[in-house]
Amino acid sequence: MRQTYPHVIEHGFVGLGKDEETLVEYLVKKEKLSRVVSICGMGRSGNTTLAKCVYHHAKVRGYFDRFAWVCVTQHCQSRKVWKEVLIGFTSGTNELTQDILKMTNAKIVWKLCNIQLQRKCLVVLDDVWSCDA
């Protein structure tokens, strides 16, 4: 199973700089709109590398309050994705993470919605295999 992590940064990529700047500028627009950006392409074509560059970009880090990176993989499990996003948003301690793991789906979704209403959040869902996921 493939797993990606945002802290593993790949250096020396070529040809993605213009795409990175375009995405960054789109994400940090001052308009109060929700934005969804899809980076699509064949596996191993640089999608994750581009997403990591945008995720770590100084403008993006300065604009958003909360961050989460989740590797969805081929077999998407909604509850797992929701938990990982909530853990990312809360930068949880071990105790807080344990509390999240015990929450019902409804409580997790309520907390996620509440955080996103109060804060500017960036969520990267990497390695999504289908539109249904």
N, C-alpha and C. Protein backbone atom coordinates (compact mmCIF):
# COMPACT_ATOMS: atom_id res chain seq x y z
N MET A 1 0.83 -1.18 0.00
CA MET A 1 0.00 0.00 0.00
C MET A 1 0.87 1.25 0.00
N ARG A 2 0.55 2.17 -0.87
CA ARG A 2 1.30 3.41 -0.97
C ARG A 2 0.84 4.37 0.12
N GLN A 3 1.78 5.04 0.77
CA GLN A 3 1.46 6.02 1.80
C GLN A 3 2.30 7.26 1.56
N THR A 4 1.69 8.43 1.61
CA THR A 4 2.44 9.67 1.45
C THR A 4 2.38 10.46 2.74
N TYR A 5 3.41 11.26 2.95
CA TYR A 5 3.50 12.08 4.15
C TYR A 5 3.91 13.48 3.74
N PRO A 6 3.31 14.50 4.34
CA PRO A 6 3.64 15.87 3.91
C PRO A 6 5.03 16.32 4.31
N HIS A 7 5.60 15.73 5.36
CA HIS A 7 6.92 16.18 5.83
C HIS A 7 8.07 15.63 5.00
N VAL A 8 7.82 14.67 4.14
CA VAL A 8 8.86 14.14 3.25
C VAL A 8 8.83 15.00 1.99
N ILE A 9 9.77 15.94 1.92
CA ILE A 9 9.78 16.90 0.82
C ILE A 9 10.79 16.47 -0.22
N GLU A 10 10.34 16.45 -1.46
CA GLU A 10 11.20 16.06 -2.57
C GLU A 10 11.79 17.32 -3.19
N HIS A 11 13.10 17.39 -3.25
CA HIS A 11 13.77 18.56 -3.79
C HIS A 11 14.24 18.29 -5.22
N GLY A 12 14.46 19.36 -5.94
CA GLY A 12 15.05 19.22 -7.27
C GLY A 12 14.07 18.89 -8.36
N PHE A 13 12.77 19.13 -8.13
CA PHE A 13 11.82 18.87 -9.20
C PHE A 13 11.93 19.97 -10.25
N VAL A 14 11.58 19.64 -11.45
CA VAL A 14 11.72 20.58 -12.57
C VAL A 14 10.37 20.73 -13.26
N GLY A 15 10.02 21.97 -13.61
CA GLY A 15 8.85 22.21 -14.43
C GLY A 15 7.54 22.40 -13.71
N LEU A 16 7.53 22.40 -12.37
CA LEU A 16 6.27 22.56 -11.66
C LEU A 16 6.13 23.94 -11.03
N GLY A 17 7.14 24.78 -11.15
CA GLY A 17 7.14 26.09 -10.49
C GLY A 17 5.97 26.97 -10.87
N LYS A 18 5.65 27.03 -12.15
CA LYS A 18 4.54 27.87 -12.61
C LYS A 18 3.21 27.32 -12.09
N ASP A 19 3.05 26.00 -12.12
CA ASP A 19 1.83 25.38 -11.59
C ASP A 19 1.71 25.64 -10.09
N GLU A 20 2.83 25.55 -9.38
CA GLU A 20 2.82 25.80 -7.94
C GLU A 20 2.35 27.22 -7.64
N GLU A 21 2.89 28.20 -8.33
CA GLU A 21 2.52 29.60 -8.09
C GLU A 21 1.06 29.85 -8.45
N THR A 22 0.58 29.25 -9.52
CA THR A 22 -0.83 29.39 -9.92
C THR A 22 -1.74 28.86 -8.83
N LEU A 23 -1.44 27.68 -8.31
CA LEU A 23 -2.26 27.09 -7.25
C LEU A 23 -2.20 27.90 -5.96
N VAL A 24 -1.01 28.35 -5.60
CA VAL A 24 -0.86 29.15 -4.38
C VAL A 24 -1.71 30.41 -4.47
N GLU A 25 -1.60 31.12 -5.58
CA GLU A 25 -2.36 32.37 -5.74
C GLU A 25 -3.86 32.10 -5.69
N TYR A 26 -4.30 31.01 -6.28
CA TYR A 26 -5.71 30.66 -6.25
C TYR A 26 -6.18 30.37 -4.82
N LEU A 27 -5.37 29.66 -4.05
CA LEU A 27 -5.76 29.27 -2.70
C LEU A 27 -5.79 30.45 -1.72
N VAL A 28 -4.94 31.42 -1.92
CA VAL A 28 -4.86 32.52 -0.94
C VAL A 28 -5.62 33.77 -1.39
N LYS A 29 -6.51 33.63 -2.36
CA LYS A 29 -7.37 34.75 -2.76
C LYS A 29 -8.13 35.24 -1.53
N LYS A 30 -8.37 36.53 -1.46
CA LYS A 30 -9.02 37.12 -0.29
C LYS A 30 -10.54 36.92 -0.27
N GLU A 31 -11.11 36.42 -1.36
CA GLU A 31 -12.55 36.18 -1.39
C GLU A 31 -12.93 35.15 -0.35
N LYS A 32 -14.11 35.28 0.20
CA LYS A 32 -14.57 34.35 1.23
C LYS A 32 -15.34 33.19 0.58
N LEU A 33 -14.66 32.41 -0.21
CA LEU A 33 -15.28 31.28 -0.89
C LEU A 33 -14.55 30.00 -0.51
N SER A 34 -15.30 28.91 -0.46
CA SER A 34 -14.65 27.62 -0.30
C SER A 34 -14.05 27.25 -1.64
N ARG A 35 -12.89 26.66 -1.61
CA ARG A 35 -12.23 26.28 -2.85
C ARG A 35 -11.86 24.81 -2.82
N VAL A 36 -12.06 24.17 -3.93
CA VAL A 36 -11.60 22.80 -4.10
C VAL A 36 -10.70 22.80 -5.32
N VAL A 37 -9.51 22.28 -5.16
CA VAL A 37 -8.56 22.19 -6.25
C VAL A 37 -8.23 20.72 -6.44
N SER A 38 -8.33 20.26 -7.66
CA SER A 38 -7.96 18.88 -7.96
C SER A 38 -6.69 18.89 -8.79
N ILE A 39 -5.74 18.11 -8.36
CA ILE A 39 -4.51 17.90 -9.13
C ILE A 39 -4.60 16.47 -9.63
N CYS A 40 -4.83 16.32 -10.91
CA CYS A 40 -5.08 15.00 -11.48
C CYS A 40 -3.98 14.62 -12.46
N GLY A 41 -3.71 13.34 -12.53
CA GLY A 41 -2.75 12.85 -13.50
C GLY A 41 -2.40 11.41 -13.22
N MET A 42 -1.67 10.83 -14.11
CA MET A 42 -1.21 9.45 -13.94
C MET A 42 -0.29 9.36 -12.73
N GLY A 43 -0.26 8.19 -12.14
CA GLY A 43 0.64 7.96 -11.02
C GLY A 43 2.08 8.23 -11.42
N ARG A 44 2.85 8.76 -10.48
CA ARG A 44 4.28 9.05 -10.67
C ARG A 44 4.52 10.22 -11.63
N SER A 45 3.49 11.08 -11.85
CA SER A 45 3.68 12.20 -12.76
C SER A 45 3.93 13.52 -12.03
N GLY A 46 4.06 13.47 -10.71
CA GLY A 46 4.39 14.67 -9.95
C GLY A 46 3.23 15.31 -9.21
N ASN A 47 2.08 14.66 -9.17
CA ASN A 47 0.91 15.22 -8.50
C ASN A 47 1.18 15.46 -7.01
N THR A 48 1.68 14.46 -6.33
CA THR A 48 1.95 14.57 -4.90
C THR A 48 3.06 15.58 -4.64
N THR A 49 4.08 15.59 -5.48
CA THR A 49 5.18 16.55 -5.32
C THR A 49 4.65 17.97 -5.43
N LEU A 50 3.79 18.23 -6.40
CA LEU A 50 3.20 19.55 -6.56
C LEU A 50 2.35 19.90 -5.34
N ALA A 51 1.54 18.97 -4.87
CA ALA A 51 0.69 19.22 -3.70
C ALA A 51 1.55 19.54 -2.47
N LYS A 52 2.66 18.83 -2.29
CA LYS A 52 3.55 19.10 -1.15
C LYS A 52 4.16 20.49 -1.24
N CYS A 53 4.56 20.88 -2.43
CA CYS A 53 5.16 22.21 -2.61
C CYS A 53 4.15 23.30 -2.25
N VAL A 54 2.92 23.13 -2.68
CA VAL A 54 1.88 24.11 -2.36
C VAL A 54 1.58 24.06 -0.86
N TYR A 55 1.47 22.89 -0.29
CA TYR A 55 1.17 22.69 1.14
C TYR A 55 2.20 23.39 2.03
N HIS A 56 3.46 23.38 1.62
CA HIS A 56 4.54 23.96 2.41
C HIS A 56 4.91 25.38 2.00
N HIS A 57 4.26 25.91 0.99
CA HIS A 57 4.59 27.24 0.49
C HIS A 57 4.36 28.29 1.59
N ALA A 58 5.25 29.26 1.70
CA ALA A 58 5.18 30.27 2.75
C ALA A 58 3.87 31.05 2.72
N LYS A 59 3.38 31.41 1.53
CA LYS A 59 2.11 32.15 1.45
C LYS A 59 0.95 31.30 1.97
N VAL A 60 0.96 30.04 1.63
CA VAL A 60 -0.11 29.13 2.06
C VAL A 60 -0.04 28.95 3.57
N ARG A 61 1.15 28.75 4.10
CA ARG A 61 1.34 28.58 5.55
C ARG A 61 0.93 29.83 6.32
N GLY A 62 1.11 30.99 5.72
CA GLY A 62 0.73 32.23 6.37
C GLY A 62 -0.75 32.54 6.27
N TYR A 63 -1.41 31.98 5.28
CA TYR A 63 -2.82 32.28 5.04
C TYR A 63 -3.76 31.38 5.83
N PHE A 64 -3.47 30.08 5.86
CA PHE A 64 -4.36 29.12 6.53
C PHE A 64 -3.99 28.96 8.00
N ASP A 65 -5.03 28.64 8.81
CA ASP A 65 -4.84 28.45 10.25
C ASP A 65 -4.65 26.98 10.62
N ARG A 66 -5.27 26.11 9.88
CA ARG A 66 -5.23 24.67 10.19
C ARG A 66 -4.88 23.90 8.93
N PHE A 67 -4.16 22.79 9.12
CA PHE A 67 -3.68 21.98 8.00
C PHE A 67 -3.89 20.50 8.30
N ALA A 68 -4.22 19.76 7.26
CA ALA A 68 -4.31 18.30 7.39
C ALA A 68 -3.91 17.68 6.05
N TRP A 69 -3.16 16.59 6.14
CA TRP A 69 -2.75 15.83 4.96
C TRP A 69 -3.16 14.38 5.21
N VAL A 70 -3.96 13.84 4.31
CA VAL A 70 -4.43 12.47 4.46
C VAL A 70 -4.17 11.71 3.16
N CYS A 71 -3.54 10.58 3.28
CA CYS A 71 -3.36 9.69 2.13
C CYS A 71 -4.55 8.74 2.10
N VAL A 72 -5.40 8.90 1.10
CA VAL A 72 -6.66 8.17 1.04
C VAL A 72 -6.45 6.73 0.57
N THR A 73 -5.67 6.51 -0.43
CA THR A 73 -5.36 5.22 -1.06
C THR A 73 -6.56 4.63 -1.80
N GLN A 74 -6.36 3.47 -2.35
CA GLN A 74 -7.34 2.85 -3.23
C GLN A 74 -8.64 2.48 -2.49
N HIS A 75 -8.54 2.08 -1.23
CA HIS A 75 -9.73 1.67 -0.48
C HIS A 75 -10.06 2.76 0.53
N CYS A 76 -10.84 3.73 0.09
CA CYS A 76 -11.18 4.89 0.93
C CYS A 76 -12.10 4.46 2.07
N GLN A 77 -11.71 4.85 3.28
CA GLN A 77 -12.53 4.61 4.47
C GLN A 77 -12.84 5.98 5.07
N SER A 78 -14.08 6.42 4.90
CA SER A 78 -14.48 7.77 5.30
C SER A 78 -14.11 8.09 6.74
N ARG A 79 -14.43 7.21 7.65
CA ARG A 79 -14.16 7.47 9.07
C ARG A 79 -12.66 7.70 9.31
N LYS A 80 -11.83 6.89 8.67
CA LYS A 80 -10.39 7.04 8.82
C LYS A 80 -9.94 8.41 8.31
N VAL A 81 -10.47 8.83 7.16
CA VAL A 81 -10.12 10.12 6.58
C VAL A 81 -10.57 11.24 7.53
N TRP A 82 -11.81 11.18 8.01
CA TRP A 82 -12.31 12.22 8.91
C TRP A 82 -11.45 12.32 10.17
N LYS A 83 -11.11 11.16 10.75
CA LYS A 83 -10.29 11.17 11.97
C LYS A 83 -8.93 11.80 11.71
N GLU A 84 -8.30 11.44 10.61
CA GLU A 84 -6.98 11.98 10.31
C GLU A 84 -7.02 13.49 10.05
N VAL A 85 -8.09 13.96 9.41
CA VAL A 85 -8.23 15.40 9.20
C VAL A 85 -8.40 16.10 10.54
N LEU A 86 -9.25 15.58 11.39
CA LEU A 86 -9.48 16.19 12.71
C LEU A 86 -8.21 16.18 13.55
N ILE A 87 -7.47 15.11 13.52
CA ILE A 87 -6.20 15.05 14.25
C ILE A 87 -5.24 16.09 13.69
N GLY A 88 -5.20 16.23 12.36
CA GLY A 88 -4.35 17.25 11.74
C GLY A 88 -4.74 18.65 12.16
N PHE A 89 -6.04 18.93 12.19
CA PHE A 89 -6.52 20.26 12.57
C PHE A 89 -6.21 20.60 14.01
N THR A 90 -6.26 19.61 14.87
CA THR A 90 -6.08 19.88 16.30
C THR A 90 -4.63 19.73 16.74
N SER A 91 -3.77 19.23 15.86
CA SER A 91 -2.37 18.96 16.23
C SER A 91 -2.34 18.28 17.60
N GLY A 92 -3.14 17.25 17.69
CA GLY A 92 -3.45 16.63 18.97
C GLY A 92 -2.32 15.97 19.71
N THR A 93 -2.44 16.05 21.01
CA THR A 93 -1.58 15.28 21.89
C THR A 93 -2.06 13.83 21.84
N ASN A 94 -1.33 12.96 22.46
CA ASN A 94 -1.74 11.56 22.51
C ASN A 94 -3.13 11.41 23.12
N GLU A 95 -3.38 12.17 24.18
CA GLU A 95 -4.67 12.10 24.87
C GLU A 95 -5.80 12.57 23.96
N LEU A 96 -5.58 13.69 23.26
CA LEU A 96 -6.59 14.22 22.35
C LEU A 96 -6.82 13.26 21.19
N THR A 97 -5.76 12.68 20.67
CA THR A 97 -5.89 11.70 19.58
C THR A 97 -6.72 10.51 20.05
N GLN A 98 -6.49 10.03 21.25
CA GLN A 98 -7.27 8.91 21.79
C GLN A 98 -8.75 9.28 21.91
N ASP A 99 -9.03 10.53 22.31
CA ASP A 99 -10.42 10.98 22.40
C ASP A 99 -11.08 10.97 21.02
N ILE A 100 -10.35 11.43 20.01
CA ILE A 100 -10.89 11.45 18.64
C ILE A 100 -11.18 10.03 18.16
N LEU A 101 -10.30 9.11 18.46
CA LEU A 101 -10.49 7.73 18.02
C LEU A 101 -11.74 7.10 18.63
N LYS A 102 -12.19 7.61 19.79
CA LYS A 102 -13.37 7.07 20.47
C LYS A 102 -14.67 7.75 20.05
N MET A 103 -14.59 8.85 19.30
CA MET A 103 -15.78 9.61 18.92
C MET A 103 -16.64 8.87 17.91
N THR A 104 -17.92 9.17 17.94
CA THR A 104 -18.83 8.65 16.93
C THR A 104 -18.60 9.41 15.62
N ASN A 105 -19.08 8.86 14.52
CA ASN A 105 -18.97 9.55 13.24
C ASN A 105 -19.63 10.93 13.30
N ALA A 106 -20.80 11.00 13.91
CA ALA A 106 -21.52 12.27 13.99
C ALA A 106 -20.72 13.32 14.76
N LYS A 107 -20.08 12.93 15.82
CA LYS A 107 -19.28 13.86 16.63
C LYS A 107 -18.05 14.34 15.84
N ILE A 108 -17.41 13.42 15.11
CA ILE A 108 -16.25 13.79 14.30
C ILE A 108 -16.66 14.80 13.23
N VAL A 109 -17.75 14.52 12.52
CA VAL A 109 -18.22 15.41 11.47
C VAL A 109 -18.61 16.76 12.05
N TRP A 110 -19.29 16.78 13.20
CA TRP A 110 -19.67 18.03 13.85
C TRP A 110 -18.43 18.86 14.19
N LYS A 111 -17.42 18.22 14.76
CA LYS A 111 -16.18 18.94 15.12
C LYS A 111 -15.47 19.48 13.88
N LEU A 112 -15.40 18.67 12.82
CA LEU A 112 -14.77 19.13 11.58
C LEU A 112 -15.50 20.35 11.01
N CYS A 113 -16.81 20.30 10.96
CA CYS A 113 -17.60 21.42 10.44
C CYS A 113 -17.39 22.66 11.30
N ASN A 114 -17.39 22.49 12.60
CA ASN A 114 -17.24 23.61 13.53
C ASN A 114 -15.87 24.28 13.36
N ILE A 115 -14.82 23.50 13.25
CA ILE A 115 -13.48 24.06 13.06
C ILE A 115 -13.40 24.82 11.74
N GLN A 116 -13.98 24.24 10.69
CA GLN A 116 -13.91 24.88 9.38
C GLN A 116 -14.76 26.15 9.29
N LEU A 117 -15.77 26.28 10.13
CA LEU A 117 -16.54 27.52 10.17
C LEU A 117 -15.77 28.63 10.89
N GLN A 118 -14.90 28.24 11.82
CA GLN A 118 -14.18 29.22 12.62
C GLN A 118 -12.79 29.55 12.09
N ARG A 119 -12.19 28.67 11.34
CA ARG A 119 -10.80 28.83 10.90
C ARG A 119 -10.68 28.61 9.40
N LYS A 120 -9.58 29.13 8.85
CA LYS A 120 -9.25 28.84 7.45
C LYS A 120 -8.44 27.55 7.44
N CYS A 121 -8.95 26.54 6.77
CA CYS A 121 -8.35 25.21 6.81
C CYS A 121 -7.94 24.75 5.41
N LEU A 122 -6.81 24.07 5.36
CA LEU A 122 -6.35 23.45 4.12
C LEU A 122 -6.26 21.95 4.36
N VAL A 123 -6.96 21.21 3.52
CA VAL A 123 -6.93 19.75 3.60
C VAL A 123 -6.42 19.22 2.28
N VAL A 124 -5.41 18.37 2.34
CA VAL A 124 -4.93 17.68 1.15
C VAL A 124 -5.34 16.21 1.29
N LEU A 125 -6.11 15.75 0.32
CA LEU A 125 -6.46 14.33 0.24
C LEU A 125 -5.63 13.76 -0.90
N ASP A 126 -4.59 13.06 -0.54
CA ASP A 126 -3.65 12.56 -1.55
C ASP A 126 -4.00 11.12 -1.91
N ASP A 127 -3.67 10.76 -3.13
CA ASP A 127 -3.81 9.40 -3.63
C ASP A 127 -5.26 8.94 -3.64
N VAL A 128 -6.15 9.82 -4.11
CA VAL A 128 -7.57 9.48 -4.26
C VAL A 128 -7.73 8.77 -5.59
N TRP A 129 -8.37 7.61 -5.56
CA TRP A 129 -8.46 6.76 -6.76
C TRP A 129 -9.77 6.91 -7.52
N SER A 130 -10.82 7.47 -6.89
CA SER A 130 -12.09 7.57 -7.59
C SER A 130 -12.84 8.83 -7.13
N CYS A 131 -13.79 9.25 -7.96
CA CYS A 131 -14.63 10.40 -7.61
C CYS A 131 -15.51 10.07 -6.40
N ASP A 132 -15.94 8.83 -6.28
CA ASP A 132 -16.78 8.42 -5.15
C ASP A 132 -16.06 8.60 -3.82
N ALA A 133 -14.76 8.34 -3.82
CA ALA A 133 -13.99 8.49 -2.58
C ALA A 133 -14.04 9.93 -2.12
